[in-house]
Structures are given as C-alpha cells and as structure tokens.
Amino acid sequence: GPSHYAKLMQMPAGYMKYLGREDFLEMHHTVEQPRLGGRG
C-alpha cells in the first residue's frame, strides 16, 4: 500500500469516514456460505 494514510485518519474519529472504502483497504469477498443463506 501507500506510505501515508489520509491526515484525517490521525484523528481518533477520522477512521469512520473510511469504513468500507478501498483507499487503504483490500476487500476480500469470502466464498458463499450455505449456512448464511449464500452470503459471502
């Protein structure tokens, strides 16, 4: 990944603005789970 995250992330509450985004995350879609109704 990059060498720096957004400056906002230094602030304790700042991470909430990046939840679910792929700026600094790699999203792994797990395999479909039969016991979860096919959710992955």
PDB file of all heavy atoms in Angstrom:
ATOM      1  N   GLY A   1       0.809  -1.211   0.000  1.00  0.00           N
ATOM      2  CA  GLY A   1       0.000   0.000   0.000  1.00  0.00           C
ATOM      3  C   GLY A   1       0.842   1.262   0.000  1.00  0.00           C
ATOM      4  O   GLY A   1       2.071   1.217  -0.069  1.00  0.00           O
ATOM      5  N   PRO A   2       0.188   2.434   0.095  1.00  0.00           N
ATOM      6  CA  PRO A   2       0.912   3.702   0.100  1.00  0.00           C
ATOM      7  C   PRO A   2       1.650   3.939   1.406  1.00  0.00           C
ATOM      8  O   PRO A   2       1.439   3.240   2.398  1.00  0.00           O
ATOM      9  CB  PRO A   2      -0.211   4.734  -0.101  1.00  0.00           C
ATOM     10  CG  PRO A   2      -1.433   4.069   0.438  1.00  0.00           C
ATOM     11  CD  PRO A   2      -1.281   2.610   0.138  1.00  0.00           C
ATOM     12  N   SER A   3       2.502   4.936   1.392  1.00  0.00           N
ATOM     13  CA  SER A   3       3.326   5.239   2.570  1.00  0.00           C
ATOM     14  C   SER A   3       2.568   6.028   3.627  1.00  0.00           C
ATOM     15  O   SER A   3       2.970   6.050   4.788  1.00  0.00           O
ATOM     16  CB  SER A   3       4.569   6.022   2.155  1.00  0.00           C
ATOM     17  OG  SER A   3       4.198   7.234   1.511  1.00  0.00           O
ATOM     18  N   HIS A   4       1.471   6.689   3.230  1.00  0.00           N
ATOM     19  CA  HIS A   4       0.726   7.518   4.170  1.00  0.00           C
ATOM     20  C   HIS A   4      -0.773   7.310   3.990  1.00  0.00           C
ATOM     21  O   HIS A   4      -1.246   7.068   2.886  1.00  0.00           O
ATOM     22  CB  HIS A   4       1.039   9.009   3.964  1.00  0.00           C
ATOM     23  CG  HIS A   4       2.464   9.371   4.232  1.00  0.00           C
ATOM     24  ND1 HIS A   4       3.429   9.323   3.243  1.00  0.00           N
ATOM     25  CD2 HIS A   4       3.090   9.770   5.362  1.00  0.00           C
ATOM     26  CE1 HIS A   4       4.597   9.690   3.767  1.00  0.00           C
ATOM     27  NE2 HIS A   4       4.407   9.965   5.036  1.00  0.00           N
ATOM     28  N   TYR A   5      -1.497   7.414   5.088  1.00  0.00           N
ATOM     29  CA  TYR A   5      -2.945   7.459   5.010  1.00  0.00           C
ATOM     30  C   TYR A   5      -3.403   8.917   5.059  1.00  0.00           C
ATOM     31  O   TYR A   5      -2.593   9.829   5.257  1.00  0.00           O
ATOM     32  CB  TYR A   5      -3.594   6.642   6.122  1.00  0.00           C
ATOM     33  CG  TYR A   5      -3.098   6.944   7.527  1.00  0.00           C
ATOM     34  CD1 TYR A   5      -3.364   8.159   8.142  1.00  0.00           C
ATOM     35  CD2 TYR A   5      -2.387   5.985   8.260  1.00  0.00           C
ATOM     36  CE1 TYR A   5      -2.940   8.428   9.429  1.00  0.00           C
ATOM     37  CE2 TYR A   5      -1.960   6.239   9.547  1.00  0.00           C
ATOM     38  CZ  TYR A   5      -2.239   7.468  10.132  1.00  0.00           C
ATOM     39  OH  TYR A   5      -1.801   7.731  11.402  1.00  0.00           O
ATOM     40  N   ALA A   6      -4.682   9.140   4.870  1.00  0.00           N
ATOM     41  CA  ALA A   6      -5.224  10.495   4.908  1.00  0.00           C
ATOM     42  C   ALA A   6      -4.995  11.110   6.288  1.00  0.00           C
ATOM     43  O   ALA A   6      -5.119  10.437   7.318  1.00  0.00           O
ATOM     44  CB  ALA A   6      -6.713  10.475   4.581  1.00  0.00           C
ATOM     45  N   LYS A   7      -4.671  12.398   6.310  1.00  0.00           N
ATOM     46  CA  LYS A   7      -4.391  13.071   7.575  1.00  0.00           C
ATOM     47  C   LYS A   7      -5.565  12.983   8.536  1.00  0.00           C
ATOM     48  O   LYS A   7      -5.384  12.947   9.764  1.00  0.00           O
ATOM     49  CB  LYS A   7      -4.027  14.531   7.314  1.00  0.00           C
ATOM     50  CG  LYS A   7      -3.438  15.235   8.527  1.00  0.00           C
ATOM     51  CD  LYS A   7      -2.895  16.610   8.170  1.00  0.00           C
ATOM     52  CE  LYS A   7      -2.258  17.271   9.400  1.00  0.00           C
ATOM     53  NZ  LYS A   7      -1.696  18.600   9.069  1.00  0.00           N
ATOM     54  N   LEU A   8      -6.777  12.922   7.986  1.00  0.00           N
ATOM     55  CA  LEU A   8      -7.966  12.794   8.820  1.00  0.00           C
ATOM     56  C   LEU A   8      -7.906  11.559   9.700  1.00  0.00           C
ATOM     57  O   LEU A   8      -8.458  11.537  10.808  1.00  0.00           O
ATOM     58  CB  LEU A   8      -9.204  12.742   7.917  1.00  0.00           C
ATOM     59  CG  LEU A   8     -10.572  12.639   8.595  1.00  0.00           C
ATOM     60  CD1 LEU A   8     -10.867  13.902   9.404  1.00  0.00           C
ATOM     61  CD2 LEU A   8     -11.663  12.409   7.559  1.00  0.00           C
ATOM     62  N   MET A   9      -7.211  10.521   9.227  1.00  0.00           N
ATOM     63  CA  MET A   9      -7.134   9.262   9.975  1.00  0.00           C
ATOM     64  C   MET A   9      -6.310   9.390  11.247  1.00  0.00           C
ATOM     65  O   MET A   9      -6.375   8.528  12.122  1.00  0.00           O
ATOM     66  CB  MET A   9      -6.552   8.171   9.090  1.00  0.00           C
ATOM     67  CG  MET A   9      -7.388   7.844   7.864  1.00  0.00           C
ATOM     68  SD  MET A   9      -8.751   6.751   8.237  1.00  0.00           S
ATOM     69  CE  MET A   9      -7.892   5.198   8.385  1.00  0.00           C
ATOM     70  N   GLN A  10      -5.514  10.454  11.363  1.00  0.00           N
ATOM     71  CA  GLN A  10      -4.772  10.672  12.611  1.00  0.00           C
ATOM     72  C   GLN A  10      -5.719  10.969  13.767  1.00  0.00           C
ATOM     73  O   GLN A  10      -5.423  10.673  14.916  1.00  0.00           O
ATOM     74  CB  GLN A  10      -3.794  11.834  12.452  1.00  0.00           C
ATOM     75  CG  GLN A  10      -2.649  11.591  11.508  1.00  0.00           C
ATOM     76  CD  GLN A  10      -1.723  12.785  11.414  1.00  0.00           C
ATOM     77  OE1 GLN A  10      -1.851  13.766  12.156  1.00  0.00           O
ATOM     78  NE2 GLN A  10      -0.774  12.722  10.496  1.00  0.00           N
ATOM     79  N   MET A  11      -6.841  11.607  13.441  1.00  0.00           N
ATOM     80  CA  MET A  11      -7.817  11.955  14.465  1.00  0.00           C
ATOM     81  C   MET A  11      -8.578  10.690  14.875  1.00  0.00           C
ATOM     82  O   MET A  11      -8.981   9.903  14.022  1.00  0.00           O
ATOM     83  CB  MET A  11      -8.785  13.000  13.928  1.00  0.00           C
ATOM     84  CG  MET A  11      -8.123  14.246  13.389  1.00  0.00           C
ATOM     85  SD  MET A  11      -9.336  15.382  12.672  1.00  0.00           S
ATOM     86  CE  MET A  11      -8.221  16.587  11.902  1.00  0.00           C
ATOM     87  N   PRO A  12      -8.789  10.470  16.156  1.00  0.00           N
ATOM     88  CA  PRO A  12      -9.440   9.235  16.590  1.00  0.00           C
ATOM     89  C   PRO A  12     -10.749   8.926  15.872  1.00  0.00           C
ATOM     90  O   PRO A  12     -11.014   7.775  15.529  1.00  0.00           O
ATOM     91  CB  PRO A  12      -9.652   9.479  18.086  1.00  0.00           C
ATOM     92  CG  PRO A  12      -8.502  10.352  18.473  1.00  0.00           C
ATOM     93  CD  PRO A  12      -8.291  11.269  17.300  1.00  0.00           C
ATOM     94  N   ALA A  13     -11.570   9.926  15.623  1.00  0.00           N
ATOM     95  CA  ALA A  13     -12.855   9.681  14.965  1.00  0.00           C
ATOM     96  C   ALA A  13     -12.738   9.609  13.448  1.00  0.00           C
ATOM     97  O   ALA A  13     -13.701   9.238  12.769  1.00  0.00           O
ATOM     98  CB  ALA A  13     -13.852  10.783  15.344  1.00  0.00           C
ATOM     99  N   GLY A  14     -11.571   9.928  12.903  1.00  0.00           N
ATOM    100  CA  GLY A  14     -11.429  10.036  11.458  1.00  0.00           C
ATOM    101  C   GLY A  14     -11.612   8.743  10.696  1.00  0.00           C
ATOM    102  O   GLY A  14     -12.036   8.758   9.539  1.00  0.00           O
ATOM    103  N   TYR A  15     -11.317   7.617  11.338  1.00  0.00           N
ATOM    104  CA  TYR A  15     -11.414   6.330  10.634  1.00  0.00           C
ATOM    105  C   TYR A  15     -12.831   6.045  10.159  1.00  0.00           C
ATOM    106  O   TYR A  15     -13.041   5.320   9.176  1.00  0.00           O
ATOM    107  CB  TYR A  15     -10.924   5.191  11.532  1.00  0.00           C
ATOM    108  CG  TYR A  15     -11.945   4.707  12.536  1.00  0.00           C
ATOM    109  CD1 TYR A  15     -12.676   3.548  12.318  1.00  0.00           C
ATOM    110  CD2 TYR A  15     -12.210   5.427  13.702  1.00  0.00           C
ATOM    111  CE1 TYR A  15     -13.619   3.105  13.225  1.00  0.00           C
ATOM    112  CE2 TYR A  15     -13.148   4.998  14.608  1.00  0.00           C
ATOM    113  CZ  TYR A  15     -13.847   3.841  14.371  1.00  0.00           C
ATOM    114  OH  TYR A  15     -14.796   3.410  15.276  1.00  0.00           O
ATOM    115  N   MET A  16     -13.826   6.624  10.847  1.00  0.00           N
ATOM    116  CA  MET A  16     -15.219   6.363  10.476  1.00  0.00           C
ATOM    117  C   MET A  16     -15.530   6.824   9.059  1.00  0.00           C
ATOM    118  O   MET A  16     -16.416   6.273   8.402  1.00  0.00           O
ATOM    119  CB  MET A  16     -16.157   7.069  11.465  1.00  0.00           C
ATOM    120  CG  MET A  16     -16.092   6.536  12.885  1.00  0.00           C
ATOM    121  SD  MET A  16     -16.738   4.865  13.051  1.00  0.00           S
ATOM    122  CE  MET A  16     -18.474   5.135  12.771  1.00  0.00           C
ATOM    123  N   LYS A  17     -14.809   7.819   8.580  1.00  0.00           N
ATOM    124  CA  LYS A  17     -15.044   8.340   7.229  1.00  0.00           C
ATOM    125  C   LYS A  17     -14.531   7.380   6.157  1.00  0.00           C
ATOM    126  O   LYS A  17     -14.841   7.549   4.971  1.00  0.00           O
ATOM    127  CB  LYS A  17     -14.360   9.699   7.063  1.00  0.00           C
ATOM    128  CG  LYS A  17     -15.020  10.834   7.841  1.00  0.00           C
ATOM    129  CD  LYS A  17     -16.379  11.166   7.263  1.00  0.00           C
ATOM    130  CE  LYS A  17     -16.979  12.397   7.912  1.00  0.00           C
ATOM    131  NZ  LYS A  17     -18.322  12.724   7.363  1.00  0.00           N
ATOM    132  N   TYR A  18     -13.724   6.375   6.561  1.00  0.00           N
ATOM    133  CA  TYR A  18     -13.117   5.477   5.578  1.00  0.00           C
ATOM    134  C   TYR A  18     -13.613   4.046   5.691  1.00  0.00           C
ATOM    135  O   TYR A  18     -13.107   3.160   5.003  1.00  0.00           O
ATOM    136  CB  TYR A  18     -11.584   5.537   5.712  1.00  0.00           C
ATOM    137  CG  TYR A  18     -11.033   6.838   5.205  1.00  0.00           C
ATOM    138  CD1 TYR A  18     -10.980   7.959   6.032  1.00  0.00           C
ATOM    139  CD2 TYR A  18     -10.613   6.972   3.889  1.00  0.00           C
ATOM    140  CE1 TYR A  18     -10.497   9.169   5.553  1.00  0.00           C
ATOM    141  CE2 TYR A  18     -10.130   8.184   3.410  1.00  0.00           C
ATOM    142  CZ  TYR A  18     -10.078   9.271   4.242  1.00  0.00           C
ATOM    143  OH  TYR A  18      -9.615  10.484   3.766  1.00  0.00           O
ATOM    144  N   LEU A  19     -14.594   3.799   6.565  1.00  0.00           N
ATOM    145  CA  LEU A  19     -15.145   2.453   6.681  1.00  0.00           C
ATOM    146  C   LEU A  19     -15.776   2.030   5.358  1.00  0.00           C
ATOM    147  O   LEU A  19     -16.582   2.753   4.777  1.00  0.00           O
ATOM    148  CB  LEU A  19     -16.197   2.408   7.793  1.00  0.00           C
ATOM    149  CG  LEU A  19     -15.688   2.514   9.231  1.00  0.00           C
ATOM    150  CD1 LEU A  19     -16.866   2.529  10.191  1.00  0.00           C
ATOM    151  CD2 LEU A  19     -14.753   1.374   9.569  1.00  0.00           C
ATOM    152  N   GLY A  20     -15.395   0.865   4.878  1.00  0.00           N
ATOM    153  CA  GLY A  20     -15.966   0.335   3.658  1.00  0.00           C
ATOM    154  C   GLY A  20     -15.350   0.869   2.377  1.00  0.00           C
ATOM    155  O   GLY A  20     -15.674   0.395   1.283  1.00  0.00           O
ATOM    156  N   ARG A  21     -14.465   1.850   2.486  1.00  0.00           N
ATOM    157  CA  ARG A  21     -13.796   2.386   1.306  1.00  0.00           C
ATOM    158  C   ARG A  21     -12.513   1.612   1.036  1.00  0.00           C
ATOM    159  O   ARG A  21     -11.962   0.965   1.928  1.00  0.00           O
ATOM    160  CB  ARG A  21     -13.484   3.874   1.502  1.00  0.00           C
ATOM    161  CG  ARG A  21     -14.718   4.743   1.491  1.00  0.00           C
ATOM    162  CD  ARG A  21     -14.428   6.184   1.859  1.00  0.00           C
ATOM    163  NE  ARG A  21     -13.315   6.763   1.116  1.00  0.00           N
ATOM    164  CZ  ARG A  21     -12.988   8.061   1.168  1.00  0.00           C
ATOM    165  NH1 ARG A  21     -13.718   8.890   1.901  1.00  0.00           N
ATOM    166  NH2 ARG A  21     -11.958   8.527   0.488  1.00  0.00           N
ATOM    167  N   GLU A  22     -12.014   1.709  -0.181  1.00  0.00           N
ATOM    168  CA  GLU A  22     -10.837   0.934  -0.565  1.00  0.00           C
ATOM    169  C   GLU A  22      -9.587   1.796  -0.700  1.00  0.00           C
ATOM    170  O   GLU A  22      -8.615   1.373  -1.319  1.00  0.00           O
ATOM    171  CB  GLU A  22     -11.121   0.179  -1.858  1.00  0.00           C
ATOM    172  CG  GLU A  22     -12.257  -0.833  -1.695  1.00  0.00           C
ATOM    173  CD  GLU A  22     -12.439  -1.737  -2.901  1.00  0.00           C
ATOM    174  OE1 GLU A  22     -11.427  -2.254  -3.400  1.00  0.00           O
ATOM    175  OE2 GLU A  22     -13.587  -1.919  -3.331  1.00  0.00           O
ATOM    176  N   ASP A  23      -9.613   2.980  -0.085  1.00  0.00           N
ATOM    177  CA  ASP A  23      -8.440   3.838  -0.129  1.00  0.00           C
ATOM    178  C   ASP A  23      -7.212   3.148   0.461  1.00  0.00           C
ATOM    179  O   ASP A  23      -6.126   3.166  -0.113  1.00  0.00           O
ATOM    180  CB  ASP A  23      -8.697   5.133   0.647  1.00  0.00           C
ATOM    181  CG  ASP A  23      -9.912   5.895   0.155  1.00  0.00           C
ATOM    182  OD1 ASP A  23     -11.015   5.348   0.251  1.00  0.00           O
ATOM    183  OD2 ASP A  23      -9.746   7.037  -0.317  1.00  0.00           O
ATOM    184  N   PHE A  24      -7.406   2.544   1.628  1.00  0.00           N
ATOM    185  CA  PHE A  24      -6.296   1.920   2.341  1.00  0.00           C
ATOM    186  C   PHE A  24      -6.645   0.493   2.771  1.00  0.00           C
ATOM    187  O   PHE A  24      -6.083  -0.037   3.719  1.00  0.00           O
ATOM    188  CB  PHE A  24      -5.927   2.767   3.566  1.00  0.00           C
ATOM    189  CG  PHE A  24      -5.817   4.233   3.261  1.00  0.00           C
ATOM    190  CD1 PHE A  24      -6.754   5.136   3.727  1.00  0.00           C
ATOM    191  CD2 PHE A  24      -4.774   4.714   2.468  1.00  0.00           C
ATOM    192  CE1 PHE A  24      -6.671   6.484   3.430  1.00  0.00           C
ATOM    193  CE2 PHE A  24      -4.686   6.055   2.157  1.00  0.00           C
ATOM    194  CZ  PHE A  24      -5.623   6.953   2.634  1.00  0.00           C
ATOM    195  N   LEU A  25      -7.614  -0.097   2.077  1.00  0.00           N
ATOM    196  CA  LEU A  25      -8.076  -1.438   2.412  1.00  0.00           C
ATOM    197  C   LEU A  25      -8.145  -2.301   1.163  1.00  0.00           C
ATOM    198  O   LEU A  25      -8.425  -1.808   0.070  1.00  0.00           O
ATOM    199  CB  LEU A  25      -9.470  -1.387   3.050  1.00  0.00           C
ATOM    200  CG  LEU A  25      -9.617  -0.671   4.387  1.00  0.00           C
ATOM    201  CD1 LEU A  25     -11.093  -0.502   4.712  1.00  0.00           C
ATOM    202  CD2 LEU A  25      -8.916  -1.429   5.499  1.00  0.00           C
ATOM    203  N   GLU A  26      -7.895  -3.595   1.342  1.00  0.00           N
ATOM    204  CA  GLU A  26      -8.140  -4.584   0.305  1.00  0.00           C
ATOM    205  C   GLU A  26      -9.351  -5.399   0.744  1.00  0.00           C
ATOM    206  O   GLU A  26      -9.333  -6.031   1.796  1.00  0.00           O
ATOM    207  CB  GLU A  26      -6.923  -5.490   0.123  1.00  0.00           C
ATOM    208  CG  GLU A  26      -7.103  -6.542  -0.959  1.00  0.00           C
ATOM    209  CD  GLU A  26      -5.864  -7.398  -1.135  1.00  0.00           C
ATOM    210  OE1 GLU A  26      -5.657  -8.298  -0.289  1.00  0.00           O
ATOM    211  OE2 GLU A  26      -5.111  -7.157  -2.083  1.00  0.00           O
ATOM    212  N   MET A  27     -10.388  -5.385  -0.073  1.00  0.00           N
ATOM    213  CA  MET A  27     -11.627  -6.061   0.296  1.00  0.00           C
ATOM    214  C   MET A  27     -11.612  -7.508  -0.187  1.00  0.00           C
ATOM    215  O   MET A  27     -11.495  -7.771  -1.387  1.00  0.00           O
ATOM    216  CB  MET A  27     -12.819  -5.326  -0.314  1.00  0.00           C
ATOM    217  CG  MET A  27     -12.979  -3.904   0.169  1.00  0.00           C
ATOM    218  SD  MET A  27     -13.278  -3.823   1.952  1.00  0.00           S
ATOM    219  CE  MET A  27     -13.534  -2.054   2.152  1.00  0.00           C
ATOM    220  N   HIS A  28     -11.741  -8.429   0.744  1.00  0.00           N
ATOM    221  CA  HIS A  28     -11.794  -9.846   0.417  1.00  0.00           C
ATOM    222  C   HIS A  28     -13.238 -10.318   0.508  1.00  0.00           C
ATOM    223  O   HIS A  28     -13.840 -10.298   1.587  1.00  0.00           O
ATOM    224  CB  HIS A  28     -10.908 -10.653   1.363  1.00  0.00           C
ATOM    225  CG  HIS A  28      -9.457 -10.369   1.213  1.00  0.00           C
ATOM    226  ND1 HIS A  28      -8.636 -11.090   0.372  1.00  0.00           N
ATOM    227  CD2 HIS A  28      -8.669  -9.421   1.783  1.00  0.00           C
ATOM    228  CE1 HIS A  28      -7.408 -10.601   0.430  1.00  0.00           C
ATOM    229  NE2 HIS A  28      -7.406  -9.583   1.279  1.00  0.00           N
ATOM    230  N   HIS A  29     -13.800 -10.727  -0.615  1.00  0.00           N
ATOM    231  CA  HIS A  29     -15.146 -11.281  -0.637  1.00  0.00           C
ATOM    232  C   HIS A  29     -15.029 -12.778  -0.361  1.00  0.00           C
ATOM    233  O   HIS A  29     -14.570 -13.542  -1.206  1.00  0.00           O
ATOM    234  CB  HIS A  29     -15.809 -11.020  -1.991  1.00  0.00           C
ATOM    235  CG  HIS A  29     -16.055  -9.577  -2.260  1.00  0.00           C
ATOM    236  ND1 HIS A  29     -17.302  -9.001  -2.172  1.00  0.00           N
ATOM    237  CD2 HIS A  29     -15.216  -8.578  -2.595  1.00  0.00           C
ATOM    238  CE1 HIS A  29     -17.219  -7.719  -2.449  1.00  0.00           C
ATOM    239  NE2 HIS A  29     -15.963  -7.433  -2.720  1.00  0.00           N
ATOM    240  N   THR A  30     -15.433 -13.189   0.820  1.00  0.00           N
ATOM    241  CA  THR A  30     -15.303 -14.593   1.189  1.00  0.00           C
ATOM    242  C   THR A  30     -16.247 -15.445   0.337  1.00  0.00           C
ATOM    243  O   THR A  30     -17.211 -14.946  -0.238  1.00  0.00           O
ATOM    244  CB  THR A  30     -15.608 -14.793   2.681  1.00  0.00           C
ATOM    245  OG1 THR A  30     -16.948 -14.380   2.940  1.00  0.00           O
ATOM    246  CG2 THR A  30     -14.657 -13.976   3.542  1.00  0.00           C
ATOM    247  N   VAL A  31     -15.953 -16.728   0.285  1.00  0.00           N
ATOM    248  CA  VAL A  31     -16.783 -17.621  -0.535  1.00  0.00           C
ATOM    249  C   VAL A  31     -18.193 -17.669   0.034  1.00  0.00           C
ATOM    250  O   VAL A  31     -18.414 -17.442   1.230  1.00  0.00           O
ATOM    251  CB  VAL A  31     -16.180 -19.045  -0.591  1.00  0.00           C
ATOM    252  CG1 VAL A  31     -14.794 -19.018  -1.221  1.00  0.00           C
ATOM    253  CG2 VAL A  31     -16.129 -19.674   0.796  1.00  0.00           C
ATOM    254  N   GLU A  32     -19.142 -17.956  -0.820  1.00  0.00           N
ATOM    255  CA  GLU A  32     -20.535 -18.037  -0.382  1.00  0.00           C
ATOM    256  C   GLU A  32     -20.697 -19.119   0.677  1.00  0.00           C
ATOM    257  O   GLU A  32     -20.178 -20.228   0.536  1.00  0.00           O
ATOM    258  CB  GLU A  32     -21.445 -18.316  -1.577  1.00  0.00           C
ATOM    259  CG  GLU A  32     -21.490 -17.164  -2.577  1.00  0.00           C
ATOM    260  CD  GLU A  32     -22.410 -17.453  -3.739  1.00  0.00           C
ATOM    261  OE1 GLU A  32     -22.932 -18.589  -3.799  1.00  0.00           O
ATOM    262  OE2 GLU A  32     -22.607 -16.554  -4.571  1.00  0.00           O
ATOM    263  N   GLN A  33     -21.430 -18.777   1.722  1.00  0.00           N
ATOM    264  CA  GLN A  33     -21.615 -19.674   2.851  1.00  0.00           C
ATOM    265  C   GLN A  33     -23.041 -20.229   2.846  1.00  0.00           C
ATOM    266  O   GLN A  33     -23.997 -19.472   3.062  1.00  0.00           O
ATOM    267  CB  GLN A  33     -21.371 -18.931   4.162  1.00  0.00           C
ATOM    268  CG  GLN A  33     -20.059 -18.172   4.236  1.00  0.00           C
ATOM    269  CD  GLN A  33     -18.889 -19.090   4.499  1.00  0.00           C
ATOM    270  OE1 GLN A  33     -18.889 -19.849   5.470  1.00  0.00           O
ATOM    271  NE2 GLN A  33     -17.892 -19.021   3.640  1.00  0.00           N
ATOM    272  N   PRO A  34     -23.217 -21.516   2.597  1.00  0.00           N
ATOM    273  CA  PRO A  34     -24.579 -22.078   2.591  1.00  0.00           C
ATOM    274  C   PRO A  34     -25.331 -21.819   3.891  1.00  0.00           C
ATOM    275  O   PRO A  34     -26.526 -21.514   3.868  1.00  0.00           O
ATOM    276  CB  PRO A  34     -24.335 -23.573   2.375  1.00  0.00           C
ATOM    277  CG  PRO A  34     -23.022 -23.639   1.654  1.00  0.00           C
ATOM    278  CD  PRO A  34     -22.205 -22.519   2.218  1.00  0.00           C
ATOM    279  N   ARG A  35     -24.644 -21.917   5.033  1.00  0.00           N
ATOM    280  CA  ARG A  35     -25.342 -21.730   6.302  1.00  0.00           C
ATOM    281  C   ARG A  35     -25.688 -20.269   6.551  1.00  0.00           C
ATOM    282  O   ARG A  35     -26.424 -19.950   7.490  1.00  0.00           O
ATOM    283  CB  ARG A  35     -24.502 -22.278   7.459  1.00  0.00           C
ATOM    284  CG  ARG A  35     -23.258 -21.488   7.796  1.00  0.00           C
ATOM    285  CD  ARG A  35     -22.482 -22.113   8.937  1.00  0.00           C
ATOM    286  NE  ARG A  35     -22.066 -23.460   8.606  1.00  0.00           N
ATOM    287  CZ  ARG A  35     -20.977 -23.753   7.899  1.00  0.00           C
ATOM    288  NH1 ARG A  35     -20.217 -22.780   7.429  1.00  0.00           N
ATOM    289  NH2 ARG A  35     -20.657 -24.990   7.627  1.00  0.00           N
ATOM    290  N   LEU A  36     -25.156 -19.351   5.717  1.00  0.00           N
ATOM    291  CA  LEU A  36     -25.500 -17.933   5.811  1.00  0.00           C
ATOM    292  C   LEU A  36     -26.453 -17.532   4.689  1.00  0.00           C
ATOM    293  O   LEU A  36     -26.539 -16.357   4.326  1.00  0.00           O
ATOM    294  CB  LEU A  36     -24.236 -17.063   5.766  1.00  0.00           C
ATOM    295  CG  LEU A  36     -23.146 -17.359   6.797  1.00  0.00           C
ATOM    296  CD1 LEU A  36     -22.039 -16.315   6.708  1.00  0.00           C
ATOM    297  CD2 LEU A  36     -23.709 -17.422   8.212  1.00  0.00           C
ATOM    298  N   GLY A  37     -27.130 -18.502   4.122  1.00  0.00           N
ATOM    299  CA  GLY A  37     -28.063 -18.213   3.055  1.00  0.00           C
ATOM    300  C   GLY A  37     -27.383 -17.804   1.768  1.00  0.00           C
ATOM    301  O   GLY A  37     -27.967 -17.079   0.950  1.00  0.00           O
ATOM    302  N   GLY A  38     -26.156 -18.257   1.574  1.00  0.00           N
ATOM    303  CA  GLY A  38     -25.417 -17.920   0.363  1.00  0.00           C
ATOM    304  C   GLY A  38     -24.623 -16.630   0.451  1.00  0.00           C
ATOM    305  O   GLY A  38     -23.979 -16.236  -0.529  1.00  0.00           O
ATOM    306  N   ARG A  39     -24.658 -15.976   1.600  1.00  0.00           N
ATOM    307  CA  ARG A  39     -23.864 -14.757   1.769  1.00  0.00           C
ATOM    308  C   ARG A  39     -22.376 -15.089   1.776  1.00  0.00           C
ATOM    309  O   ARG A  39     -21.957 -16.131   2.261  1.00  0.00           O
ATOM    310  CB  ARG A  39     -24.188 -14.059   3.089  1.00  0.00           C
ATOM    311  CG  ARG A  39     -25.495 -13.324   3.151  1.00  0.00           C
ATOM    312  CD  ARG A  39     -25.665 -12.694   4.533  1.00  0.00           C
ATOM    313  NE  ARG A  39     -24.615 -11.720   4.795  1.00  0.00           N
ATOM    314  CZ  ARG A  39     -23.964 -11.608   5.956  1.00  0.00           C
ATOM    315  NH1 ARG A  39     -24.227 -12.429   6.953  1.00  0.00           N
ATOM    316  NH2 ARG A  39     -23.048 -10.679   6.111  1.00  0.00           N
ATOM    317  N   GLY A  40     -21.583 -14.163   1.267  1.00  0.00           N
ATOM    318  CA  GLY A  40     -20.135 -14.226   1.380  1.00  0.00           C
ATOM    319  C   GLY A  40     -19.658 -12.942   2.018  1.00  0.00           C
ATOM    320  O   GLY A  40     -19.379 -11.953   1.322  1.00  0.00           O
TER     321      GLY A  40
END
